[in-house]
């Protein structure tokens, strides 16, 4: 009696030096295999194709706080790869690259599971995934038990745009003493469901900083932060990051001061060079910012969905309270 076809053999494992040649070949099909979004700096002209070989060397080094990489093999051939890295403090991890051949979403989900297990073993509380809207990411995330918690839009301003210098609202550099006030701004400006997925405590909020280490005061360098104040109130926050060929900005505005967003955007644009493109990421709960950017000449470049997998459940801490005794 003849049996049916042998089931395929699939293996998900850590990246090895011998995989470099196979990854170089896989790179040529990146446009058809990539599931993760191209957020800044992985956008033109800052970055072209995924720099696999550089990423591979960084992953194989296994530096503390560095990225990790895995590949999926099916019947002995490479069919998928994933890379993940911790953010500042290591409480959260990002799946920075996720690839799988078309039709292999189950394999992509297995790679996500591998990244989650690694993050959990390093005491991470959350793993994030960002994917193009209406792409394969939604199905892959669902298979790996990730939940969508918000969406974002990437806006681009072409070089040569002029900025009005009238009616400016000037900011000052962010200081270490602003930590608590900025967390209060985050709490006021970000909806509760997003905060539940992203950061509920000041410690978790601090871990969202994208650098390897937690934020430190710096008035020079490639990444600068500013805050707007009005009396004792924190109006908004700005971070500017300078790349080799483009620039990136993030803004957060207190709901009470959304009417001032145009003034904040004008001041922010004076902090960057008009000779290079400027990118800004806007989340779905920031329609006021999207409108202000459009009025300033920005165009929509991409739309993304953001997913998270929580690795630690919140529990209420028991405590003793005074009892009301009726009678004697």
C-alpha atoms as a PDB file:
ATOM      1  CA  UNK A   1       0.000   0.000   0.000  1.00  0.00           C
ATOM      2  CA  UNK A   2       1.467   3.330  -1.055  1.00  0.00           C
ATOM      3  CA  UNK A   3       1.322   6.221   1.363  1.00  0.00           C
ATOM      4  CA  UNK A   4       0.538   9.838   0.540  1.00  0.00           C
ATOM      5  CA  UNK A   5       3.143  12.518   0.011  1.00  0.00           C
ATOM      6  CA  UNK A   6       5.518  13.055   2.919  1.00  0.00           C
ATOM      7  CA  UNK A   7       4.668  16.093   5.031  1.00  0.00           C
ATOM      8  CA  UNK A   8       7.014  19.025   4.588  1.00  0.00           C
ATOM      9  CA  UNK A   9       9.652  19.655   7.202  1.00  0.00           C
ATOM     10  CA  UNK A  10       9.724  23.189   8.589  1.00  0.00           C
ATOM     11  CA  UNK A  11      12.347  24.549  10.949  1.00  0.00           C
ATOM     12  CA  UNK A  12      12.575  27.960  12.626  1.00  0.00           C
ATOM     13  CA  UNK A  13      15.993  28.638  14.107  1.00  0.00           C
ATOM     14  CA  UNK A  14      18.453  31.405  14.939  1.00  0.00           C
ATOM     15  CA  UNK A  15      20.468  32.953  12.148  1.00  0.00           C
ATOM     16  CA  UNK A  16      23.901  31.437  11.494  1.00  0.00           C
ATOM     17  CA  UNK A  17      26.913  32.733   9.533  1.00  0.00           C
ATOM     18  CA  UNK A  18      26.336  30.075   6.855  1.00  0.00           C
ATOM     19  CA  UNK A  19      22.944  31.693   6.069  1.00  0.00           C
ATOM     20  CA  UNK A  20      24.441  34.862   4.589  1.00  0.00           C
ATOM     21  CA  UNK A  21      24.459  33.567   1.016  1.00  0.00           C
ATOM     22  CA  UNK A  22      20.842  32.383   1.221  1.00  0.00           C
ATOM     23  CA  UNK A  23      19.775  35.726   2.713  1.00  0.00           C
ATOM     24  CA  UNK A  24      21.496  37.648  -0.064  1.00  0.00           C
ATOM     25  CA  UNK A  25      19.417  35.673  -2.561  1.00  0.00           C
ATOM     26  CA  UNK A  26      16.294  36.207  -0.454  1.00  0.00           C
ATOM     27  CA  UNK A  27      16.930  39.951  -0.510  1.00  0.00           C
ATOM     28  CA  UNK A  28      16.283  40.118  -4.237  1.00  0.00           C
ATOM     29  CA  UNK A  29      12.668  39.111  -3.572  1.00  0.00           C
ATOM     30  CA  UNK A  30      12.153  41.509  -0.671  1.00  0.00           C
ATOM     31  CA  UNK A  31       9.288  43.421  -2.291  1.00  0.00           C
ATOM     32  CA  UNK A  32       7.208  40.233  -2.501  1.00  0.00           C
ATOM     33  CA  UNK A  33       8.128  38.788   0.900  1.00  0.00           C
ATOM     34  CA  UNK A  34       8.160  41.720   3.337  1.00  0.00           C
ATOM     35  CA  UNK A  35       5.342  41.939   5.876  1.00  0.00           C
ATOM     36  CA  UNK A  36       6.660  44.726   8.129  1.00  0.00           C
ATOM     37  CA  UNK A  37       6.209  48.400   7.289  1.00  0.00           C
ATOM     38  CA  UNK A  38       8.895  50.741   5.992  1.00  0.00           C
ATOM     39  CA  UNK A  39       8.850  53.341   8.722  1.00  0.00           C
ATOM     40  CA  UNK A  40      11.587  55.958   9.015  1.00  0.00           C
ATOM     41  CA  UNK A  41      14.548  55.616   8.503  1.00  0.00           C
ATOM     42  CA  UNK A  42      13.648  52.730   6.183  1.00  0.00           C
ATOM     43  CA  UNK A  43      12.205  55.060   3.564  1.00  0.00           C
ATOM     44  CA  UNK A  44      13.624  56.621   0.433  1.00  0.00           C
ATOM     45  CA  UNK A  45      15.944  58.439   0.153  1.00  0.00           C
ATOM     46  CA  UNK A  46      17.215  57.552   3.639  1.00  0.00           C
ATOM     47  CA  UNK A  47      17.353  53.827   2.940  1.00  0.00           C
ATOM     48  CA  UNK A  48      16.836  51.700  -0.146  1.00  0.00           C
ATOM     49  CA  UNK A  49      16.567  47.944  -0.006  1.00  0.00           C
ATOM     50  CA  UNK A  50      16.796  46.185   3.335  1.00  0.00           C
ATOM     51  CA  UNK A  51      20.525  46.128   4.256  1.00  0.00           C
ATOM     52  CA  UNK A  52      20.509  42.424   5.105  1.00  0.00           C
ATOM     53  CA  UNK A  53      24.238  41.883   5.306  1.00  0.00           C
ATOM     54  CA  UNK A  54      24.727  44.728   7.791  1.00  0.00           C
ATOM     55  CA  UNK A  55      21.779  43.541   9.847  1.00  0.00           C
ATOM     56  CA  UNK A  56      23.032  39.981   9.787  1.00  0.00           C
ATOM     57  CA  UNK A  57      26.441  40.985  11.131  1.00  0.00           C
ATOM     58  CA  UNK A  58      24.803  42.984  13.914  1.00  0.00           C
ATOM     59  CA  UNK A  59      22.499  40.074  14.801  1.00  0.00           C
ATOM     60  CA  UNK A  60      25.288  37.514  14.892  1.00  0.00           C
ATOM     61  CA  UNK A  61      27.293  39.705  17.266  1.00  0.00           C
ATOM     62  CA  UNK A  62      24.599  39.240  19.968  1.00  0.00           C
ATOM     63  CA  UNK A  63      25.544  42.445  21.755  1.00  0.00           C
ATOM     64  CA  UNK A  64      23.566  43.251  24.917  1.00  0.00           C
ATOM     65  CA  UNK A  65      20.612  45.324  23.799  1.00  0.00           C
ATOM     66  CA  UNK A  66      21.224  44.348  20.176  1.00  0.00           C
ATOM     67  CA  UNK A  67      18.905  42.741  17.661  1.00  0.00           C
ATOM     68  CA  UNK A  68      18.240  39.043  17.176  1.00  0.00           C
ATOM     69  CA  UNK A  69      17.443  37.251  13.915  1.00  0.00           C
ATOM     70  CA  UNK A  70      15.780  33.977  12.933  1.00  0.00           C
ATOM     71  CA  UNK A  71      15.102  32.171   9.672  1.00  0.00           C
ATOM     72  CA  UNK A  72      12.513  29.601   8.605  1.00  0.00           C
ATOM     73  CA  UNK A  73      13.477  26.657   6.413  1.00  0.00           C
ATOM     74  CA  UNK A  74      10.974  24.491   4.574  1.00  0.00           C
ATOM     75  CA  UNK A  75      12.235  21.310   2.952  1.00  0.00           C
ATOM     76  CA  UNK A  76      15.744  22.682   3.253  1.00  0.00           C
ATOM     77  CA  UNK A  77      15.147  26.063   1.570  1.00  0.00           C
ATOM     78  CA  UNK A  78      14.833  29.513   3.102  1.00  0.00           C
ATOM     79  CA  UNK A  79      11.203  30.680   3.172  1.00  0.00           C
ATOM     80  CA  UNK A  80      11.158  33.382   5.847  1.00  0.00           C
ATOM     81  CA  UNK A  81      13.196  35.530   8.212  1.00  0.00           C
ATOM     82  CA  UNK A  82      12.569  37.833  11.162  1.00  0.00           C
ATOM     83  CA  UNK A  83      14.569  40.354  13.150  1.00  0.00           C
ATOM     84  CA  UNK A  84      13.648  41.927  16.484  1.00  0.00           C
ATOM     85  CA  UNK A  85      15.368  44.348  18.832  1.00  0.00           C
ATOM     86  CA  UNK A  86      14.727  45.806  22.294  1.00  0.00           C
ATOM     87  CA  UNK A  87      14.012  49.450  22.912  1.00  0.00           C
ATOM     88  CA  UNK A  88      15.547  51.512  25.688  1.00  0.00           C
ATOM     89  CA  UNK A  89      15.570  49.565  28.916  1.00  0.00           C
ATOM     90  CA  UNK A  90      14.409  46.361  27.199  1.00  0.00           C
ATOM     91  CA  UNK A  91      10.837  46.443  28.531  1.00  0.00           C
ATOM     92  CA  UNK A  92       9.528  46.432  24.955  1.00  0.00           C
ATOM     93  CA  UNK A  93      10.779  44.855  21.714  1.00  0.00           C
ATOM     94  CA  UNK A  94      10.073  45.720  18.086  1.00  0.00           C
ATOM     95  CA  UNK A  95       9.834  43.223  15.241  1.00  0.00           C
ATOM     96  CA  UNK A  96      11.832  45.350  12.831  1.00  0.00           C
ATOM     97  CA  UNK A  97      11.804  42.946   9.869  1.00  0.00           C
ATOM     98  CA  UNK A  98       9.464  40.098   9.025  1.00  0.00           C
ATOM     99  CA  UNK A  99       9.589  38.297   5.676  1.00  0.00           C
ATOM    100  CA  UNK A 100       7.922  35.172   4.322  1.00  0.00           C
ATOM    101  CA  UNK A 101       7.270  33.891   0.830  1.00  0.00           C
ATOM    102  CA  UNK A 102       3.773  34.606  -0.552  1.00  0.00           C
ATOM    103  CA  UNK A 103       1.258  32.120   0.817  1.00  0.00           C
ATOM    104  CA  UNK A 104       3.418  31.300   3.841  1.00  0.00           C
ATOM    105  CA  UNK A 105       1.624  33.350   6.503  1.00  0.00           C
ATOM    106  CA  UNK A 106       1.705  30.425   8.947  1.00  0.00           C
ATOM    107  CA  UNK A 107       5.493  30.426   8.726  1.00  0.00           C
ATOM    108  CA  UNK A 108       5.540  34.187   9.299  1.00  0.00           C
ATOM    109  CA  UNK A 109       3.440  33.678  12.439  1.00  0.00           C
ATOM    110  CA  UNK A 110       5.871  31.011  13.650  1.00  0.00           C
ATOM    111  CA  UNK A 111       8.719  33.489  13.209  1.00  0.00           C
ATOM    112  CA  UNK A 112       6.760  36.035  15.239  1.00  0.00           C
ATOM    113  CA  UNK A 113       6.294  33.447  17.988  1.00  0.00           C
ATOM    114  CA  UNK A 114      10.047  32.892  18.036  1.00  0.00           C
ATOM    115  CA  UNK A 115      10.654  36.628  18.484  1.00  0.00           C
ATOM    116  CA  UNK A 116       8.062  36.755  21.287  1.00  0.00           C
ATOM    117  CA  UNK A 117       9.699  33.874  23.156  1.00  0.00           C
ATOM    118  CA  UNK A 118      13.097  35.584  22.901  1.00  0.00           C
ATOM    119  CA  UNK A 119      11.697  38.901  24.136  1.00  0.00           C
ATOM    120  CA  UNK A 120       9.935  37.160  27.019  1.00  0.00           C
ATOM    121  CA  UNK A 121      13.145  35.414  28.046  1.00  0.00           C
ATOM    122  CA  UNK A 122      14.721  38.882  28.387  1.00  0.00           C
ATOM    123  CA  UNK A 123      11.873  40.082  30.667  1.00  0.00           C
ATOM    124  CA  UNK A 124      10.138  42.202  28.020  1.00  0.00           C
ATOM    125  CA  UNK A 125       6.507  43.145  28.658  1.00  0.00           C
ATOM    126  CA  UNK A 126       5.433  43.880  25.082  1.00  0.00           C
ATOM    127  CA  UNK A 127       6.376  43.106  21.497  1.00  0.00           C
ATOM    128  CA  UNK A 128       5.333  45.512  18.736  1.00  0.00           C
ATOM    129  CA  UNK A 129       4.783  44.922  15.025  1.00  0.00           C
ATOM    130  CA  UNK A 130       4.099  47.591  12.385  1.00  0.00           C
ATOM    131  CA  UNK A 131       2.727  46.549   9.001  1.00  0.00           C
ATOM    132  CA  UNK A 132       1.325  48.294   5.906  1.00  0.00           C
ATOM    133  CA  UNK A 133      -2.428  48.860   6.102  1.00  0.00           C
ATOM    134  CA  UNK A 134      -4.506  46.323   4.177  1.00  0.00           C
ATOM    135  CA  UNK A 135      -1.479  44.052   3.762  1.00  0.00           C
ATOM    136  CA  UNK A 136      -0.585  40.569   4.952  1.00  0.00           C
ATOM    137  CA  UNK A 137       0.308  41.859   8.390  1.00  0.00           C
ATOM    138  CA  UNK A 138      -3.236  41.680   9.758  1.00  0.00           C
ATOM    139  CA  UNK A 139      -3.595  37.950   9.090  1.00  0.00           C
ATOM    140  CA  UNK A 140      -0.066  37.156  10.285  1.00  0.00           C
ATOM    141  CA  UNK A 141      -0.539  39.194  13.473  1.00  0.00           C
ATOM    142  CA  UNK A 142      -3.842  37.457  14.225  1.00  0.00           C
ATOM    143  CA  UNK A 143      -2.263  34.018  13.804  1.00  0.00           C
ATOM    144  CA  UNK A 144       0.456  34.980  16.308  1.00  0.00           C
ATOM    145  CA  UNK A 145      -2.084  36.418  18.804  1.00  0.00           C
ATOM    146  CA  UNK A 146      -1.021  40.046  18.250  1.00  0.00           C
ATOM    147  CA  UNK A 147      -3.727  42.721  18.587  1.00  0.00           C
ATOM    148  CA  UNK A 148      -4.105  45.869  16.519  1.00  0.00           C
ATOM    149  CA  UNK A 149      -4.139  48.891  18.851  1.00  0.00           C
ATOM    150  CA  UNK A 150      -3.926  51.870  16.466  1.00  0.00           C
ATOM    151  CA  UNK A 151      -2.934  52.983  12.963  1.00  0.00           C
ATOM    152  CA  UNK A 152      -0.612  55.662  11.643  1.00  0.00           C
ATOM    153  CA  UNK A 153       0.062  57.707   8.538  1.00  0.00           C
ATOM    154  CA  UNK A 154       3.484  58.750   7.273  1.00  0.00           C
ATOM    155  CA  UNK A 155       3.602  62.272   5.816  1.00  0.00           C
ATOM    156  CA  UNK A 156       6.405  63.665   3.655  1.00  0.00           C
ATOM    157  CA  UNK A 157       7.491  67.226   2.901  1.00  0.00           C
ATOM    158  CA  UNK A 158       9.639  67.628  -0.212  1.00  0.00           C
ATOM    159  CA  UNK A 159      12.859  69.688  -0.162  1.00  0.00           C
ATOM    160  CA  UNK A 160      12.611  73.367  -0.944  1.00  0.00           C
ATOM    161  CA  UNK A 161       9.387  74.080   0.933  1.00  0.00           C
ATOM    162  CA  UNK A 162       9.226  77.489   2.585  1.00  0.00           C
ATOM    163  CA  UNK A 163       7.974  78.069   6.119  1.00  0.00           C
ATOM    164  CA  UNK A 164       6.130  81.146   7.318  1.00  0.00           C
ATOM    165  CA  UNK A 165       7.991  82.808  10.166  1.00  0.00           C
ATOM    166  CA  UNK A 166       4.974  84.673  11.502  1.00  0.00           C
ATOM    167  CA  UNK A 167       2.954  83.876  14.623  1.00  0.00           C
ATOM    168  CA  UNK A 168       5.512  81.402  15.962  1.00  0.00           C
ATOM    169  CA  UNK A 169       5.125  79.499  19.221  1.00  0.00           C
ATOM    170  CA  UNK A 170       8.690  78.948  20.390  1.00  0.00           C
ATOM    171  CA  UNK A 171       9.783  75.831  22.271  1.00  0.00           C
ATOM    172  CA  UNK A 172      12.717  75.094  24.551  1.00  0.00           C
ATOM    173  CA  UNK A 173      14.979  72.020  24.750  1.00  0.00           C
ATOM    174  CA  UNK A 174      13.636  69.148  26.806  1.00  0.00           C
ATOM    175  CA  UNK A 175      15.243  68.701  30.222  1.00  0.00           C
ATOM    176  CA  UNK A 176      15.452  65.721  32.540  1.00  0.00           C
ATOM    177  CA  UNK A 177      13.186  67.584  34.967  1.00  0.00           C
ATOM    178  CA  UNK A 178      10.376  67.401  32.358  1.00  0.00           C
ATOM    179  CA  UNK A 179       9.960  63.622  32.736  1.00  0.00           C
ATOM    180  CA  UNK A 180       6.865  63.609  34.955  1.00  0.00           C
ATOM    181  CA  UNK A 181       5.172  66.490  33.105  1.00  0.00           C
ATOM    182  CA  UNK A 182       5.752  64.833  29.730  1.00  0.00           C
ATOM    183  CA  UNK A 183       4.269  61.581  30.989  1.00  0.00           C
ATOM    184  CA  UNK A 184       1.192  63.568  32.032  1.00  0.00           C
ATOM    185  CA  UNK A 185       1.084  65.055  28.513  1.00  0.00           C
ATOM    186  CA  UNK A 186       1.248  61.532  27.048  1.00  0.00           C
ATOM    187  CA  UNK A 187      -1.580  60.416  29.351  1.00  0.00           C
ATOM    188  CA  UNK A 188      -3.759  63.354  28.295  1.00  0.00           C
ATOM    189  CA  UNK A 189      -3.056  63.162  24.554  1.00  0.00           C
ATOM    190  CA  UNK A 190      -3.140  59.394  23.973  1.00  0.00           C
ATOM    191  CA  UNK A 191      -6.435  57.430  24.269  1.00  0.00           C
ATOM    192  CA  UNK A 192      -6.699  54.906  27.103  1.00  0.00           C
ATOM    193  CA  UNK A 193      -6.919  51.808  24.825  1.00  0.00           C
ATOM    194  CA  UNK A 194      -3.640  52.815  23.156  1.00  0.00           C
ATOM    195  CA  UNK A 195      -1.958  53.472  26.495  1.00  0.00           C
ATOM    196  CA  UNK A 196      -3.132  50.068  27.728  1.00  0.00           C
ATOM    197  CA  UNK A 197      -1.385  48.477  24.761  1.00  0.00           C
ATOM    198  CA  UNK A 198       1.659  50.722  24.791  1.00  0.00           C
ATOM    199  CA  UNK A 199       2.538  52.146  28.216  1.00  0.00           C
ATOM    200  CA  UNK A 200       0.510  52.531  31.389  1.00  0.00           C
ATOM    201  CA  UNK A 201       3.271  53.546  33.786  1.00  0.00           C
ATOM    202  CA  UNK A 202       6.021  56.138  33.600  1.00  0.00           C
ATOM    203  CA  UNK A 203       8.588  53.332  33.525  1.00  0.00           C
ATOM    204  CA  UNK A 204       6.913  51.737  30.489  1.00  0.00           C
ATOM    205  CA  UNK A 205       6.541  55.121  28.791  1.00  0.00           C
ATOM    206  CA  UNK A 206      10.261  55.758  29.221  1.00  0.00           C
ATOM    207  CA  UNK A 207      10.977  52.417  27.570  1.00  0.00           C
ATOM    208  CA  UNK A 208       9.216  53.578  24.370  1.00  0.00           C
ATOM    209  CA  UNK A 209      12.214  55.749  23.507  1.00  0.00           C
ATOM    210  CA  UNK A 210      13.625  54.182  20.303  1.00  0.00           C
ATOM    211  CA  UNK A 211      17.304  54.428  21.215  1.00  0.00           C
ATOM    212  CA  UNK A 212      19.345  51.659  22.806  1.00  0.00           C
ATOM    213  CA  UNK A 213      19.525  53.558  26.090  1.00  0.00           C
ATOM    214  CA  UNK A 214      16.908  55.602  27.872  1.00  0.00           C
ATOM    215  CA  UNK A 215      16.623  59.268  26.942  1.00  0.00           C
ATOM    216  CA  UNK A 216      19.282  61.629  28.250  1.00  0.00           C
ATOM    217  CA  UNK A 217      19.514  65.438  27.861  1.00  0.00           C
ATOM    218  CA  UNK A 218      21.342  66.420  24.679  1.00  0.00           C
ATOM    219  CA  UNK A 219      21.453  69.769  22.927  1.00  0.00           C
ATOM    220  CA  UNK A 220      23.463  68.510  19.962  1.00  0.00           C
ATOM    221  CA  UNK A 221      23.596  65.339  17.925  1.00  0.00           C
ATOM    222  CA  UNK A 222      21.272  63.559  15.538  1.00  0.00           C
ATOM    223  CA  UNK A 223      18.252  63.435  17.871  1.00  0.00           C
ATOM    224  CA  UNK A 224      16.871  66.519  19.629  1.00  0.00           C
ATOM    225  CA  UNK A 225      13.757  67.057  21.732  1.00  0.00           C
ATOM    226  CA  UNK A 226      11.787  70.222  22.512  1.00  0.00           C
ATOM    227  CA  UNK A 227       8.780  71.125  24.645  1.00  0.00           C
ATOM    228  CA  UNK A 228       6.216  73.898  24.466  1.00  0.00           C
ATOM    229  CA  UNK A 229       4.943  75.478  27.671  1.00  0.00           C
ATOM    230  CA  UNK A 230       2.217  77.962  28.527  1.00  0.00           C
ATOM    231  CA  UNK A 231       2.505  79.046  32.126  1.00  0.00           C
ATOM    232  CA  UNK A 232       2.663  75.840  34.161  1.00  0.00           C
ATOM    233  CA  UNK A 233       0.987  73.767  31.427  1.00  0.00           C
ATOM    234  CA  UNK A 234       2.818  71.503  28.977  1.00  0.00           C
ATOM    235  CA  UNK A 235       1.393  72.319  25.531  1.00  0.00           C
ATOM    236  CA  UNK A 236       3.360  69.910  23.322  1.00  0.00           C
ATOM    237  CA  UNK A 237       6.469  67.851  22.665  1.00  0.00           C
ATOM    238  CA  UNK A 238       8.682  67.536  19.582  1.00  0.00           C
ATOM    239  CA  UNK A 239      11.479  65.175  18.630  1.00  0.00           C
ATOM    240  CA  UNK A 240      13.618  65.829  15.550  1.00  0.00           C
ATOM    241  CA  UNK A 241      15.921  63.131  14.171  1.00  0.00           C
ATOM    242  CA  UNK A 242      18.477  63.950  11.471  1.00  0.00           C
ATOM    243  CA  UNK A 243      19.427  61.205   9.022  1.00  0.00           C
ATOM    244  CA  UNK A 244      21.974  61.132   6.231  1.00  0.00           C
ATOM    245  CA  UNK A 245      19.502  62.185   3.507  1.00  0.00           C
ATOM    246  CA  UNK A 246      16.238  63.010   5.281  1.00  0.00           C
ATOM    247  CA  UNK A 247      14.754  64.114   8.601  1.00  0.00           C
ATOM    248  CA  UNK A 248      12.040  62.750  10.870  1.00  0.00           C
ATOM    249  CA  UNK A 249       9.752  64.486  13.373  1.00  0.00           C
ATOM    250  CA  UNK A 250       7.294  63.316  16.024  1.00  0.00           C
ATOM    251  CA  UNK A 251       4.853  65.667  17.735  1.00  0.00           C
ATOM    252  CA  UNK A 252       2.417  65.334  20.607  1.00  0.00           C
ATOM    253  CA  UNK A 253      -0.037  68.119  21.477  1.00  0.00           C
ATOM    254  CA  UNK A 254      -2.213  68.440  24.564  1.00  0.00           C
ATOM    255  CA  UNK A 255      -5.934  68.226  23.624  1.00  0.00           C
ATOM    256  CA  UNK A 256      -6.602  71.629  25.230  1.00  0.00           C
ATOM    257  CA  UNK A 257      -4.154  73.284  22.810  1.00  0.00           C
ATOM    258  CA  UNK A 258      -4.920  71.546  19.505  1.00  0.00           C
ATOM    259  CA  UNK A 259      -5.878  74.934  18.014  1.00  0.00           C
ATOM    260  CA  UNK A 260      -2.193  75.922  18.267  1.00  0.00           C
ATOM    261  CA  UNK A 261      -0.971  72.954  16.181  1.00  0.00           C
ATOM    262  CA  UNK A 262      -0.279  75.056  13.050  1.00  0.00           C
ATOM    263  CA  UNK A 263       1.990  77.334  15.081  1.00  0.00           C
ATOM    264  CA  UNK A 264       3.797  74.355  16.589  1.00  0.00           C
ATOM    265  CA  UNK A 265       4.332  72.793  13.153  1.00  0.00           C
ATOM    266  CA  UNK A 266       5.757  76.047  11.770  1.00  0.00           C
ATOM    267  CA  UNK A 267       8.251  76.264  14.624  1.00  0.00           C
ATOM    268  CA  UNK A 268       9.153  72.580  14.227  1.00  0.00           C
ATOM    269  CA  UNK A 269       9.915  73.079  10.535  1.00  0.00           C
ATOM    270  CA  UNK A 270      12.342  75.864  11.391  1.00  0.00           C
ATOM    271  CA  UNK A 271      14.420  73.290  13.297  1.00  0.00           C
ATOM    272  CA  UNK A 272      15.086  71.155  10.200  1.00  0.00           C
ATOM    273  CA  UNK A 273      16.864  71.776   6.913  1.00  0.00           C
ATOM    274  CA  UNK A 274      14.770  72.798   3.871  1.00  0.00           C
ATOM    275  CA  UNK A 275      17.292  70.983   1.662  1.00  0.00           C
ATOM    276  CA  UNK A 276      16.235  67.439   2.674  1.00  0.00           C
ATOM    277  CA  UNK A 277      12.855  65.670   2.881  1.00  0.00           C
ATOM    278  CA  UNK A 278      11.017  65.743   6.208  1.00  0.00           C
ATOM    279  CA  UNK A 279       8.880  62.830   7.437  1.00  0.00           C
ATOM    280  CA  UNK A 280       6.282  62.920  10.205  1.00  0.00           C
ATOM    281  CA  UNK A 281       4.326  59.991  11.652  1.00  0.00           C
ATOM    282  CA  UNK A 282       0.712  60.774  12.624  1.00  0.00           C
ATOM    283  CA  UNK A 283      -1.512  58.359  14.515  1.00  0.00           C
ATOM    284  CA  UNK A 284      -5.229  57.935  13.942  1.00  0.00           C
ATOM    285  CA  UNK A 285      -6.119  59.868  17.115  1.00  0.00           C
ATOM    286  CA  UNK A 286      -4.206  62.954  15.839  1.00  0.00           C
ATOM    287  CA  UNK A 287      -6.449  64.310  13.029  1.00  0.00           C
ATOM    288  CA  UNK A 288      -5.579  67.873  14.063  1.00  0.00           C
ATOM    289  CA  UNK A 289      -1.908  67.164  13.329  1.00  0.00           C
ATOM    290  CA  UNK A 290      -2.672  65.567   9.956  1.00  0.00           C
ATOM    291  CA  UNK A 291      -4.659  68.649   8.939  1.00  0.00           C
ATOM    292  CA  UNK A 292      -1.897  71.013  10.059  1.00  0.00           C
ATOM    293  CA  UNK A 293       0.732  69.058   8.120  1.00  0.00           C
ATOM    294  CA  UNK A 294      -1.380  69.130   4.966  1.00  0.00           C
ATOM    295  CA  UNK A 295      -1.762  72.893   5.282  1.00  0.00           C
ATOM    296  CA  UNK A 296       2.030  73.115   5.622  1.00  0.00           C
ATOM    297  CA  UNK A 297       2.532  71.255   2.328  1.00  0.00           C
ATOM    298  CA  UNK A 298       3.006  67.655   3.498  1.00  0.00           C
ATOM    299  CA  UNK A 299       1.623  64.758   1.437  1.00  0.00           C
ATOM    300  CA  UNK A 300       0.506  61.337   2.592  1.00  0.00           C
ATOM    301  CA  UNK A 301       3.208  58.751   1.839  1.00  0.00           C
ATOM    302  CA  UNK A 302       2.083  55.548   3.608  1.00  0.00           C
ATOM    303  CA  UNK A 303      -0.477  54.061   6.000  1.00  0.00           C
ATOM    304  CA  UNK A 304       0.382  51.504   8.662  1.00  0.00           C
ATOM    305  CA  UNK A 305      -1.310  49.315  11.286  1.00  0.00           C
ATOM    306  CA  UNK A 306       0.310  48.858  14.698  1.00  0.00           C
ATOM    307  CA  UNK A 307       0.030  45.563  16.582  1.00  0.00           C
ATOM    308  CA  UNK A 308       1.126  44.479  20.053  1.00  0.00           C
ATOM    309  CA  UNK A 309       1.436  41.281  22.032  1.00  0.00           C
ATOM    310  CA  UNK A 310       1.369  41.694  25.788  1.00  0.00           C
ATOM    311  CA  UNK A 311       3.682  39.319  27.610  1.00  0.00           C
ATOM    312  CA  UNK A 312       2.706  40.222  31.188  1.00  0.00           C
ATOM    313  CA  UNK A 313      -0.820  40.481  32.564  1.00  0.00           C
ATOM    314  CA  UNK A 314      -1.684  43.326  34.928  1.00  0.00           C
ATOM    315  CA  UNK A 315      -2.973  42.286  38.329  1.00  0.00           C
ATOM    316  CA  UNK A 316      -4.439  44.401  41.068  1.00  0.00           C
ATOM    317  CA  UNK A 317      -2.136  44.585  44.050  1.00  0.00           C
ATOM    318  CA  UNK A 318      -4.014  43.552  47.246  1.00  0.00           C
ATOM    319  CA  UNK A 319      -3.852  45.947  50.156  1.00  0.00           C
ATOM    320  CA  UNK A 320      -5.437  46.388  53.569  1.00  0.00           C
ATOM    321  CA  UNK A 321      -8.174  48.995  53.996  1.00  0.00           C
ATOM    322  CA  UNK A 322     -10.037  50.221  57.044  1.00  0.00           C
ATOM    323  CA  UNK A 323     -13.199  48.210  57.691  1.00  0.00           C
ATOM    324  CA  UNK A 324     -16.487  49.824  58.679  1.00  0.00           C
ATOM    325  CA  UNK A 325     -17.792  47.847  61.661  1.00  0.00           C
ATOM    326  CA  UNK A 326     -21.554  48.007  62.239  1.00  0.00           C
ATOM    327  CA  UNK A 327     -22.613  47.561  65.856  1.00  0.00           C
ATOM    328  CA  UNK A 328     -20.357  46.702  68.738  1.00  0.00           C
END
